[in-house]
Amino acid sequence: MIALVIVGFVKISVFFYAVIVGLSTLFKVKRPSALTYPVGTVILFFSLTIASNVQEHLKEGLTIMPVLLFIPFHLVIPFTLLCIAFIK
């Protein structure tokens, strides 16, 4: 259980670092550390408002997310990029 918690913490930390570096590159921010508090606040806000309990989290993850995320990211965007590659 301790290993699972440690690995989860490391995974979240790596994702958070990737978001900070990506945003600082995208917006050409000289000090990426200036983005840590705003991004952390947004993540905290969304983590508290998306699902209030485990049952709601599972319901959203099994019914809503496949339609909103999986279909566009796994079907629509790759197919569109493939069509654009063939046209070019």
Protein backbone atom coordinates (compact mmCIF):
# COMPACT_ATOMS: atom_id res chain seq x y z
CA MET A 1 0.00 0.00 0.00
CA ILE A 2 2.86 2.36 0.79
CA ALA A 3 4.45 1.64 -2.58
CA LEU A 4 1.13 2.37 -4.30
CA VAL A 5 0.84 5.73 -2.55
CA ILE A 6 4.46 6.64 -3.35
CA VAL A 7 4.07 5.69 -7.02
CA GLY A 8 0.83 7.67 -7.21
CA PHE A 9 2.52 10.71 -5.72
CA VAL A 10 5.42 10.44 -8.17
CA LYS A 11 3.02 10.07 -11.11
CA ILE A 12 1.02 13.14 -10.10
CA SER A 13 4.24 15.10 -9.55
CA VAL A 14 5.55 14.20 -13.02
CA PHE A 15 2.25 15.17 -14.65
CA PHE A 16 2.18 18.46 -12.72
CA TYR A 17 5.77 19.20 -13.76
CA ALA A 18 4.91 18.42 -17.39
CA VAL A 19 1.96 20.83 -17.27
CA ILE A 20 4.10 23.59 -15.78
CA VAL A 21 6.89 23.13 -18.33
CA GLY A 22 4.40 22.88 -21.20
CA LEU A 23 2.54 26.02 -20.20
CA SER A 24 5.73 27.97 -19.64
CA THR A 25 6.94 26.95 -23.10
CA LEU A 26 3.60 27.71 -24.71
CA PHE A 27 3.24 31.15 -23.15
CA LYS A 28 7.00 31.90 -23.12
CA VAL A 29 7.15 32.47 -19.37
CA LYS A 30 10.74 33.03 -18.22
CA ARG A 31 10.20 31.60 -14.72
CA PRO A 32 8.09 28.42 -14.82
CA SER A 33 7.84 28.48 -11.02
CA ALA A 34 5.52 31.49 -11.36
CA LEU A 35 2.88 29.13 -12.77
CA THR A 36 2.88 26.59 -9.94
CA TYR A 37 0.37 28.32 -7.66
CA PRO A 38 -2.17 29.23 -10.40
CA VAL A 39 -2.03 25.76 -11.96
CA GLY A 40 -2.16 24.10 -8.54
CA THR A 41 -5.20 26.19 -7.63
CA VAL A 42 -6.99 25.22 -10.85
CA ILE A 43 -6.21 21.53 -10.30
CA LEU A 44 -7.41 21.74 -6.69
CA PHE A 45 -10.64 23.47 -7.75
CA PHE A 46 -11.39 20.91 -10.48
CA SER A 47 -10.53 17.97 -8.23
CA LEU A 48 -13.06 19.18 -5.67
CA THR A 49 -15.85 20.03 -8.12
CA ILE A 50 -15.71 17.22 -10.66
CA ALA A 51 -16.93 14.43 -8.38
CA SER A 52 -18.00 14.73 -4.78
CA ASN A 53 -17.79 11.00 -3.96
CA VAL A 54 -16.48 7.72 -5.34
CA GLN A 55 -19.79 6.60 -6.85
CA GLU A 56 -20.17 9.84 -8.79
CA HIS A 57 -16.55 9.59 -9.91
CA LEU A 58 -17.09 6.07 -11.25
CA LYS A 59 -20.35 7.02 -12.96
CA GLU A 60 -18.72 9.95 -14.74
CA GLY A 61 -15.67 7.88 -15.65
CA LEU A 62 -17.72 5.08 -17.17
CA THR A 63 -20.53 6.99 -18.88
CA ILE A 64 -19.53 10.57 -19.63
CA MET A 65 -15.78 10.43 -20.23
CA PRO A 66 -15.83 7.84 -23.03
CA VAL A 67 -18.09 10.12 -25.06
CA LEU A 68 -16.29 13.38 -24.27
CA LEU A 69 -12.68 12.20 -24.33
CA PHE A 70 -12.10 8.74 -25.73
CA ILE A 71 -14.09 9.04 -28.96
CA PRO A 72 -12.61 12.40 -29.99
CA PHE A 73 -9.04 11.61 -28.94
CA HIS A 74 -8.98 8.01 -30.22
CA LEU A 75 -11.09 8.31 -33.36
CA VAL A 76 -11.84 11.82 -34.55
CA ILE A 77 -8.47 13.54 -34.13
CA PRO A 78 -6.34 10.66 -35.53
CA PHE A 79 -8.66 10.22 -38.51
CA THR A 80 -8.58 13.97 -39.19
CA LEU A 81 -4.79 14.03 -38.98
CA LEU A 82 -4.60 11.02 -41.30
CA CYS A 83 -6.81 12.78 -43.86
CA ILE A 84 -4.69 15.92 -43.63
CA ALA A 85 -1.51 13.86 -44.09
CA PHE A 86 -2.94 12.19 -47.20
CA ILE A 87 -4.01 15.55 -48.65
CA LYS A 88 -0.56 17.06 -48.11
